Amino acid sequence: MFDKMKELLDIKKKAEELKRKLEAVTFEISSIDGLVKITMNGSQEVQDLRIQGDLEKDSLEKALKDVYNRAIKRSHELAAQKMKEITGFNLPGLT
């Protein structure tokens, strides 16, 4: 029983370490047309959003959707990478 508790505490420590590492990592993603740029951290929190030029509503919506989805995908890749660094193995579904 004590072994299981120790194992659970180790998992909790690793999860907290992963959370700290993801919060510390930031990255920028631009929309395909380059008119919208989002800065996000590994915990999927938007840090900054930049819109260049004068965009029509439809173009802006399309660019925002594109850049946000690409940023979320990148954050998932970062989470999988950090998880592998901490635990030494890949978790299915994170990439």
C-alpha atoms as a PDB file:
ATOM      1  CA  MET A   1       0.000   0.000   0.000  1.00  0.00           C
ATOM      2  CA  PHE A   2       2.828   2.407   0.817  1.00  0.00           C
ATOM      3  CA  ASP A   3       4.419   1.648  -2.539  1.00  0.00           C
ATOM      4  CA  LYS A   4       1.220   2.693  -4.299  1.00  0.00           C
ATOM      5  CA  MET A   5       1.017   5.915  -2.277  1.00  0.00           C
ATOM      6  CA  LYS A   6       4.631   6.721  -3.115  1.00  0.00           C
ATOM      7  CA  GLU A   7       3.919   6.022  -6.772  1.00  0.00           C
ATOM      8  CA  LEU A   8       0.893   8.337  -6.680  1.00  0.00           C
ATOM      9  CA  LEU A   9       2.964  11.083  -5.067  1.00  0.00           C
ATOM     10  CA  ASP A  10       5.623  10.671  -7.753  1.00  0.00           C
ATOM     11  CA  ILE A  11       2.973  10.957 -10.458  1.00  0.00           C
ATOM     12  CA  LYS A  12       1.576  14.077  -8.816  1.00  0.00           C
ATOM     13  CA  LYS A  13       5.055  15.627  -8.651  1.00  0.00           C
ATOM     14  CA  LYS A  14       5.647  14.866 -12.314  1.00  0.00           C
ATOM     15  CA  ALA A  15       2.277  16.349 -13.268  1.00  0.00           C
ATOM     16  CA  GLU A  16       3.051  19.551 -11.348  1.00  0.00           C
ATOM     17  CA  GLU A  17       6.467  19.739 -13.004  1.00  0.00           C
ATOM     18  CA  LEU A  18       4.865  19.289 -16.412  1.00  0.00           C
ATOM     19  CA  LYS A  19       2.366  22.063 -15.675  1.00  0.00           C
ATOM     20  CA  ARG A  20       5.150  24.461 -14.658  1.00  0.00           C
ATOM     21  CA  LYS A  21       7.178  23.651 -17.757  1.00  0.00           C
ATOM     22  CA  LEU A  22       4.206  24.118 -20.072  1.00  0.00           C
ATOM     23  CA  GLU A  23       3.302  27.449 -18.496  1.00  0.00           C
ATOM     24  CA  ALA A  24       6.890  28.633 -19.019  1.00  0.00           C
ATOM     25  CA  VAL A  25       7.000  27.788 -22.731  1.00  0.00           C
ATOM     26  CA  THR A  26       5.604  30.314 -25.212  1.00  0.00           C
ATOM     27  CA  PHE A  27       5.409  30.133 -28.978  1.00  0.00           C
ATOM     28  CA  GLU A  28       4.071  32.184 -31.867  1.00  0.00           C
ATOM     29  CA  ILE A  29       1.931  30.919 -34.701  1.00  0.00           C
ATOM     30  CA  SER A  30       0.893  32.976 -37.728  1.00  0.00           C
ATOM     31  CA  SER A  31      -2.121  32.364 -39.904  1.00  0.00           C
ATOM     32  CA  ILE A  32      -1.410  30.993 -43.364  1.00  0.00           C
ATOM     33  CA  ASP A  33      -1.834  34.453 -44.879  1.00  0.00           C
ATOM     34  CA  GLY A  34       0.441  35.929 -42.185  1.00  0.00           C
ATOM     35  CA  LEU A  35      -2.057  38.596 -41.171  1.00  0.00           C
ATOM     36  CA  VAL A  36      -2.897  37.213 -37.739  1.00  0.00           C
ATOM     37  CA  LYS A  37      -0.342  36.116 -35.151  1.00  0.00           C
ATOM     38  CA  ILE A  38      -1.071  34.483 -31.811  1.00  0.00           C
ATOM     39  CA  THR A  39       1.312  33.958 -28.920  1.00  0.00           C
ATOM     40  CA  MET A  40       0.309  31.110 -26.635  1.00  0.00           C
ATOM     41  CA  ASN A  41       1.922  29.211 -23.796  1.00  0.00           C
ATOM     42  CA  GLY A  42       2.063  25.448 -23.448  1.00  0.00           C
ATOM     43  CA  SER A  43      -0.984  25.552 -21.167  1.00  0.00           C
ATOM     44  CA  GLN A  44      -3.033  26.934 -24.077  1.00  0.00           C
ATOM     45  CA  GLU A  45      -3.353  30.420 -22.633  1.00  0.00           C
ATOM     46  CA  VAL A  46      -3.326  33.166 -25.250  1.00  0.00           C
ATOM     47  CA  GLN A  47      -0.597  35.624 -24.326  1.00  0.00           C
ATOM     48  CA  ASP A  48      -0.924  37.986 -27.285  1.00  0.00           C
ATOM     49  CA  LEU A  49      -2.931  38.415 -30.484  1.00  0.00           C
ATOM     50  CA  ARG A  50      -1.796  40.649 -33.375  1.00  0.00           C
ATOM     51  CA  ILE A  51      -3.763  41.557 -36.470  1.00  0.00           C
ATOM     52  CA  GLN A  52      -1.899  43.190 -39.321  1.00  0.00           C
ATOM     53  CA  GLY A  53      -3.639  45.303 -41.901  1.00  0.00           C
ATOM     54  CA  ASP A  54      -7.284  46.057 -42.426  1.00  0.00           C
ATOM     55  CA  LEU A  55      -9.184  42.794 -42.781  1.00  0.00           C
ATOM     56  CA  GLU A  56     -12.762  42.219 -43.824  1.00  0.00           C
ATOM     57  CA  LYS A  57     -14.867  40.354 -41.273  1.00  0.00           C
ATOM     58  CA  ASP A  58     -14.828  37.088 -43.249  1.00  0.00           C
ATOM     59  CA  SER A  59     -11.053  37.191 -43.753  1.00  0.00           C
ATOM     60  CA  LEU A  60     -10.458  38.007 -40.095  1.00  0.00           C
ATOM     61  CA  GLU A  61     -12.697  35.186 -38.893  1.00  0.00           C
ATOM     62  CA  LYS A  62     -10.979  32.712 -41.205  1.00  0.00           C
ATOM     63  CA  ALA A  63      -7.488  33.854 -40.146  1.00  0.00           C
ATOM     64  CA  LEU A  64      -8.375  33.750 -36.428  1.00  0.00           C
ATOM     65  CA  LYS A  65      -9.801  30.246 -36.724  1.00  0.00           C
ATOM     66  CA  ASP A  66      -6.738  29.060 -38.634  1.00  0.00           C
ATOM     67  CA  VAL A  67      -4.167  30.536 -36.267  1.00  0.00           C
ATOM     68  CA  TYR A  68      -5.982  29.428 -33.121  1.00  0.00           C
ATOM     69  CA  ASN A  69      -6.372  25.838 -34.312  1.00  0.00           C
ATOM     70  CA  ARG A  70      -2.714  25.691 -35.326  1.00  0.00           C
ATOM     71  CA  ALA A  71      -1.666  27.085 -31.941  1.00  0.00           C
ATOM     72  CA  ILE A  72      -3.741  24.482 -30.077  1.00  0.00           C
ATOM     73  CA  LYS A  73      -2.160  21.728 -32.163  1.00  0.00           C
ATOM     74  CA  ARG A  74       1.314  23.092 -31.355  1.00  0.00           C
ATOM     75  CA  SER A  75       0.489  23.196 -27.639  1.00  0.00           C
ATOM     76  CA  HIS A  76      -0.516  19.516 -27.796  1.00  0.00           C
ATOM     77  CA  GLU A  77       2.804  18.696 -29.454  1.00  0.00           C
ATOM     78  CA  LEU A  78       4.654  20.590 -26.714  1.00  0.00           C
ATOM     79  CA  ALA A  79       2.703  18.783 -23.993  1.00  0.00           C
ATOM     80  CA  ALA A  80       3.568  15.409 -25.511  1.00  0.00           C
ATOM     81  CA  GLN A  81       7.234  16.389 -25.792  1.00  0.00           C
ATOM     82  CA  LYS A  82       7.419  17.603 -22.193  1.00  0.00           C
ATOM     83  CA  MET A  83       5.553  14.527 -20.956  1.00  0.00           C
ATOM     84  CA  LYS A  84       8.055  12.298 -22.717  1.00  0.00           C
ATOM     85  CA  GLU A  85      10.959  14.260 -21.162  1.00  0.00           C
ATOM     86  CA  ILE A  86       9.524  13.896 -17.672  1.00  0.00           C
ATOM     87  CA  THR A  87       8.154  10.362 -17.775  1.00  0.00           C
ATOM     88  CA  GLY A  88      10.313   8.779 -20.445  1.00  0.00           C
ATOM     89  CA  PHE A  89       7.377   7.487 -22.462  1.00  0.00           C
ATOM     90  CA  ASN A  90       4.746   8.730 -24.915  1.00  0.00           C
ATOM     91  CA  LEU A  91       1.108   8.846 -23.944  1.00  0.00           C
ATOM     92  CA  PRO A  92      -1.213   7.881 -26.805  1.00  0.00           C
ATOM     93  CA  GLY A  93      -3.546  10.626 -27.970  1.00  0.00           C
ATOM     94  CA  LEU A  94      -1.340  13.570 -26.988  1.00  0.00           C
ATOM     95  CA  THR A  95       0.115  14.018 -30.440  1.00  0.00           C
END
